[in-house]
Amino acid sequence: MRPARLEDLAAVQSLTEAAYEPYRALLGGPPLPVTEDYGPRIVSGEVWLRERDDVVVALAVFERHADHLLIFSIAVAPGCQGQGLGIELLQFLDGKAAEWNLPEVRLYTNSRMERNIALYRAYGFQETGRRPNPYRPGWTLVDMTKSIKD
């Protein structure tokens, strides 16, 4: 894993679009990570990349808060899905939270993304609530959290 650089911006956008493409039809529009401007996040150190042979195959976008690490997006290139990269990214983020002495990792996802919710639950996340998406009327967000144990 390495932090993204501004010259990685096109790769970040391309991989994100490809990874989230299956959800466009399900949601009736692009998922929030597809519309994000990643330039400022890269400058802030919030985008980290996983490469194979100098090709970006997965990425994690996250925010450091005073009492938690918030996952904004995890994306794996379609040709690399099912190879454990998502779990590798989650483990990396657990490590970052522990390094920063944060007690938990949080995330939110669309309630229609049932496969992702199931994966997060299997990894140890617990659902903490549901709320309307403030940016997309009619969409519901699922809030989830996972404790970081020492």
C-alpha atoms as a PDB file:
ATOM      1  CA  MET A   1       0.000   0.000   0.000  1.00  0.00           C
ATOM      2  CA  ARG A   2       1.181   3.486  -0.751  1.00  0.00           C
ATOM      3  CA  PRO A   3      -0.362   6.954  -0.593  1.00  0.00           C
ATOM      4  CA  ALA A   4      -1.686   8.209  -3.915  1.00  0.00           C
ATOM      5  CA  ARG A   5       0.010  11.118  -5.650  1.00  0.00           C
ATOM      6  CA  LEU A   6      -1.663  13.701  -7.865  1.00  0.00           C
ATOM      7  CA  GLU A   7      -0.295  11.928 -10.937  1.00  0.00           C
ATOM      8  CA  ASP A   8      -2.418   8.919  -9.845  1.00  0.00           C
ATOM      9  CA  LEU A   9      -5.665  10.914 -10.091  1.00  0.00           C
ATOM     10  CA  ALA A  10      -6.741   9.451 -13.463  1.00  0.00           C
ATOM     11  CA  ALA A  11      -6.076   5.898 -12.223  1.00  0.00           C
ATOM     12  CA  VAL A  12      -8.048   6.574  -9.029  1.00  0.00           C
ATOM     13  CA  GLN A  13     -11.037   7.897 -10.973  1.00  0.00           C
ATOM     14  CA  SER A  14     -10.894   5.121 -13.571  1.00  0.00           C
ATOM     15  CA  LEU A  15     -10.667   2.311 -11.032  1.00  0.00           C
ATOM     16  CA  THR A  16     -13.451   3.824  -8.925  1.00  0.00           C
ATOM     17  CA  GLU A  17     -15.764   4.127 -11.936  1.00  0.00           C
ATOM     18  CA  ALA A  18     -15.062   0.535 -13.015  1.00  0.00           C
ATOM     19  CA  ALA A  19     -15.474  -0.915  -9.520  1.00  0.00           C
ATOM     20  CA  TYR A  20     -18.787   0.859  -8.886  1.00  0.00           C
ATOM     21  CA  GLU A  21     -20.230   0.399 -12.399  1.00  0.00           C
ATOM     22  CA  PRO A  22     -22.438  -2.583 -11.423  1.00  0.00           C
ATOM     23  CA  TYR A  23     -24.222  -0.372  -8.884  1.00  0.00           C
ATOM     24  CA  ARG A  24     -25.329   2.320 -11.369  1.00  0.00           C
ATOM     25  CA  ALA A  25     -28.361   0.347 -12.522  1.00  0.00           C
ATOM     26  CA  LEU A  26     -29.192  -0.846  -9.010  1.00  0.00           C
ATOM     27  CA  LEU A  27     -29.121   2.701  -7.649  1.00  0.00           C
ATOM     28  CA  GLY A  28     -30.474   4.492 -10.697  1.00  0.00           C
ATOM     29  CA  GLY A  29     -27.410   6.734 -10.833  1.00  0.00           C
ATOM     30  CA  PRO A  30     -23.738   6.862  -9.971  1.00  0.00           C
ATOM     31  CA  PRO A  31     -22.758   5.949  -6.424  1.00  0.00           C
ATOM     32  CA  LEU A  32     -21.281   8.837  -4.433  1.00  0.00           C
ATOM     33  CA  PRO A  33     -17.641   7.693  -4.762  1.00  0.00           C
ATOM     34  CA  VAL A  34     -17.922   7.914  -8.566  1.00  0.00           C
ATOM     35  CA  THR A  35     -18.785  11.625  -8.388  1.00  0.00           C
ATOM     36  CA  GLU A  36     -16.111  12.534  -5.825  1.00  0.00           C
ATOM     37  CA  ASP A  37     -13.271  14.971  -6.603  1.00  0.00           C
ATOM     38  CA  TYR A  38     -10.266  12.953  -5.437  1.00  0.00           C
ATOM     39  CA  GLY A  39      -7.647  15.668  -5.993  1.00  0.00           C
ATOM     40  CA  PRO A  40      -8.099  17.279  -2.560  1.00  0.00           C
ATOM     41  CA  ARG A  41      -8.313  13.860  -0.904  1.00  0.00           C
ATOM     42  CA  ILE A  42      -5.023  12.825  -2.517  1.00  0.00           C
ATOM     43  CA  VAL A  43      -3.348  16.037  -1.321  1.00  0.00           C
ATOM     44  CA  SER A  44      -4.687  15.346   2.205  1.00  0.00           C
ATOM     45  CA  GLY A  45      -3.265  11.810   2.217  1.00  0.00           C
ATOM     46  CA  GLU A  46      -6.707  10.183   2.293  1.00  0.00           C
ATOM     47  CA  VAL A  47      -6.248   7.954  -0.786  1.00  0.00           C
ATOM     48  CA  TRP A  48      -4.030   4.866  -0.624  1.00  0.00           C
ATOM     49  CA  LEU A  49      -3.315   2.487  -3.480  1.00  0.00           C
ATOM     50  CA  ARG A  50      -2.581  -1.218  -3.836  1.00  0.00           C
ATOM     51  CA  GLU A  51      -0.537  -2.037  -6.919  1.00  0.00           C
ATOM     52  CA  ARG A  52       0.510  -5.159  -8.768  1.00  0.00           C
ATOM     53  CA  ASP A  53       3.277  -4.800 -11.326  1.00  0.00           C
ATOM     54  CA  ASP A  54       2.966  -0.994 -11.163  1.00  0.00           C
ATOM     55  CA  VAL A  55      -0.775  -1.129 -11.963  1.00  0.00           C
ATOM     56  CA  VAL A  56      -3.324   0.156  -9.458  1.00  0.00           C
ATOM     57  CA  VAL A  57      -5.624  -2.767  -8.632  1.00  0.00           C
ATOM     58  CA  ALA A  58      -7.345  -1.478  -5.485  1.00  0.00           C
ATOM     59  CA  LEU A  59      -7.693   1.642  -3.389  1.00  0.00           C
ATOM     60  CA  ALA A  60      -8.939   2.851  -0.050  1.00  0.00           C
ATOM     61  CA  VAL A  61     -10.215   6.359   0.657  1.00  0.00           C
ATOM     62  CA  PHE A  62     -10.537   7.257   4.322  1.00  0.00           C
ATOM     63  CA  GLU A  63     -10.663  10.145   6.765  1.00  0.00           C
ATOM     64  CA  ARG A  64      -8.975  10.453  10.150  1.00  0.00           C
ATOM     65  CA  HIS A  65     -11.297  11.852  12.821  1.00  0.00           C
ATOM     66  CA  ALA A  66     -10.635  12.476  16.517  1.00  0.00           C
ATOM     67  CA  ASP A  67     -12.405   9.300  17.646  1.00  0.00           C
ATOM     68  CA  HIS A  68     -12.571   7.077  14.544  1.00  0.00           C
ATOM     69  CA  LEU A  69     -11.326   6.322  11.052  1.00  0.00           C
ATOM     70  CA  LEU A  70     -14.073   6.792   8.444  1.00  0.00           C
ATOM     71  CA  ILE A  71     -13.957   4.702   5.285  1.00  0.00           C
ATOM     72  CA  PHE A  72     -15.279   6.713   2.347  1.00  0.00           C
ATOM     73  CA  SER A  73     -14.584   4.149  -0.359  1.00  0.00           C
ATOM     74  CA  ILE A  74     -12.966   0.811  -1.007  1.00  0.00           C
ATOM     75  CA  ALA A  75     -12.627  -0.100  -4.671  1.00  0.00           C
ATOM     76  CA  VAL A  76     -11.099  -3.145  -6.342  1.00  0.00           C
ATOM     77  CA  ALA A  77     -10.575  -3.400 -10.097  1.00  0.00           C
ATOM     78  CA  PRO A  78     -13.219  -5.741 -11.580  1.00  0.00           C
ATOM     79  CA  GLY A  79     -10.591  -8.174 -12.881  1.00  0.00           C
ATOM     80  CA  CYS A  80      -9.077  -8.474  -9.407  1.00  0.00           C
ATOM     81  CA  GLN A  81     -12.252  -8.909  -7.369  1.00  0.00           C
ATOM     82  CA  GLY A  82     -12.615 -12.129  -5.409  1.00  0.00           C
ATOM     83  CA  GLN A  83      -8.872 -12.335  -4.716  1.00  0.00           C
ATOM     84  CA  GLY A  84      -8.931 -11.045  -1.130  1.00  0.00           C
ATOM     85  CA  LEU A  85      -7.903  -7.461  -1.922  1.00  0.00           C
ATOM     86  CA  GLY A  86     -10.964  -5.995  -0.198  1.00  0.00           C
ATOM     87  CA  ILE A  87     -10.063  -7.822   3.022  1.00  0.00           C
ATOM     88  CA  GLU A  88      -6.454  -6.694   2.619  1.00  0.00           C
ATOM     89  CA  LEU A  89      -7.660  -3.076   2.402  1.00  0.00           C
ATOM     90  CA  LEU A  90      -9.872  -3.479   5.466  1.00  0.00           C
ATOM     91  CA  GLN A  91      -6.948  -4.956   7.402  1.00  0.00           C
ATOM     92  CA  PHE A  92      -4.761  -2.043   6.296  1.00  0.00           C
ATOM     93  CA  LEU A  93      -7.395   0.399   7.564  1.00  0.00           C
ATOM     94  CA  ASP A  94      -7.662  -1.457  10.878  1.00  0.00           C
ATOM     95  CA  GLY A  95      -3.889  -1.057  11.149  1.00  0.00           C
ATOM     96  CA  LYS A  96      -4.094   2.680  10.416  1.00  0.00           C
ATOM     97  CA  ALA A  97      -6.761   3.127  13.087  1.00  0.00           C
ATOM     98  CA  ALA A  98      -4.644   1.213  15.593  1.00  0.00           C
ATOM     99  CA  GLU A  99      -1.531   3.221  14.624  1.00  0.00           C
ATOM    100  CA  TRP A 100      -3.476   6.421  15.325  1.00  0.00           C
ATOM    101  CA  ASN A 101      -4.914   4.999  18.579  1.00  0.00           C
ATOM    102  CA  LEU A 102      -8.457   5.293  17.260  1.00  0.00           C
ATOM    103  CA  PRO A 103     -10.993   2.991  18.911  1.00  0.00           C
ATOM    104  CA  GLU A 104     -13.088   2.223  15.835  1.00  0.00           C
ATOM    105  CA  VAL A 105     -13.499   2.201  12.085  1.00  0.00           C
ATOM    106  CA  ARG A 106     -16.767   3.506  10.653  1.00  0.00           C
ATOM    107  CA  LEU A 107     -18.337   3.477   7.232  1.00  0.00           C
ATOM    108  CA  TYR A 108     -21.632   4.114   5.519  1.00  0.00           C
ATOM    109  CA  THR A 109     -23.029   2.485   2.423  1.00  0.00           C
ATOM    110  CA  ASN A 110     -26.211   2.471   0.387  1.00  0.00           C
ATOM    111  CA  SER A 111     -28.887   0.160   1.769  1.00  0.00           C
ATOM    112  CA  ARG A 112     -29.329  -1.383  -1.693  1.00  0.00           C
ATOM    113  CA  MET A 113     -25.705  -2.561  -1.698  1.00  0.00           C
ATOM    114  CA  GLU A 114     -26.655  -5.705   0.198  1.00  0.00           C
ATOM    115  CA  ARG A 115     -23.607  -7.695  -0.963  1.00  0.00           C
ATOM    116  CA  ASN A 116     -21.265  -5.076   0.492  1.00  0.00           C
ATOM    117  CA  ILE A 117     -23.233  -4.906   3.740  1.00  0.00           C
ATOM    118  CA  ALA A 118     -22.936  -8.691   4.069  1.00  0.00           C
ATOM    119  CA  LEU A 119     -19.179  -8.534   3.418  1.00  0.00           C
ATOM    120  CA  TYR A 120     -18.708  -5.818   6.027  1.00  0.00           C
ATOM    121  CA  ARG A 121     -20.754  -7.806   8.560  1.00  0.00           C
ATOM    122  CA  ALA A 122     -18.672 -10.920   7.873  1.00  0.00           C
ATOM    123  CA  TYR A 123     -15.552  -8.853   8.543  1.00  0.00           C
ATOM    124  CA  GLY A 124     -16.882  -7.735  11.930  1.00  0.00           C
ATOM    125  CA  PHE A 125     -18.753  -4.488  11.263  1.00  0.00           C
ATOM    126  CA  GLN A 126     -22.027  -3.930  13.083  1.00  0.00           C
ATOM    127  CA  GLU A 127     -24.899  -1.881  11.730  1.00  0.00           C
ATOM    128  CA  THR A 128     -25.550   1.143  13.938  1.00  0.00           C
ATOM    129  CA  GLY A 129     -28.432   2.727  12.077  1.00  0.00           C
ATOM    130  CA  ARG A 130     -30.029   3.827   8.842  1.00  0.00           C
ATOM    131  CA  ARG A 131     -30.675   7.370   7.654  1.00  0.00           C
ATOM    132  CA  PRO A 132     -31.743   9.254   4.547  1.00  0.00           C
ATOM    133  CA  ASN A 133     -28.895  10.156   2.218  1.00  0.00           C
ATOM    134  CA  PRO A 134     -28.549  13.950   2.505  1.00  0.00           C
ATOM    135  CA  TYR A 135     -27.251  14.217  -1.067  1.00  0.00           C
ATOM    136  CA  ARG A 136     -29.591  11.795  -2.830  1.00  0.00           C
ATOM    137  CA  PRO A 137     -33.312  12.010  -2.004  1.00  0.00           C
ATOM    138  CA  GLY A 138     -34.898   8.588  -1.724  1.00  0.00           C
ATOM    139  CA  TRP A 139     -31.643   6.780  -0.951  1.00  0.00           C
ATOM    140  CA  THR A 140     -30.959   5.289   2.471  1.00  0.00           C
ATOM    141  CA  LEU A 141     -27.531   5.021   4.067  1.00  0.00           C
ATOM    142  CA  VAL A 142     -26.503   2.212   6.386  1.00  0.00           C
ATOM    143  CA  ASP A 143     -24.045   3.262   9.105  1.00  0.00           C
ATOM    144  CA  MET A 144     -21.645   0.580  10.328  1.00  0.00           C
ATOM    145  CA  THR A 145     -18.829   0.420  12.892  1.00  0.00           C
ATOM    146  CA  LYS A 146     -16.088  -1.969  13.932  1.00  0.00           C
ATOM    147  CA  SER A 147     -14.100  -1.810  17.169  1.00  0.00           C
ATOM    148  CA  ILE A 148     -10.327  -1.851  17.000  1.00  0.00           C
ATOM    149  CA  LYS A 149      -8.892  -4.163  19.622  1.00  0.00           C
ATOM    150  CA  ASP A 150      -5.349  -3.722  20.904  1.00  0.00           C
END
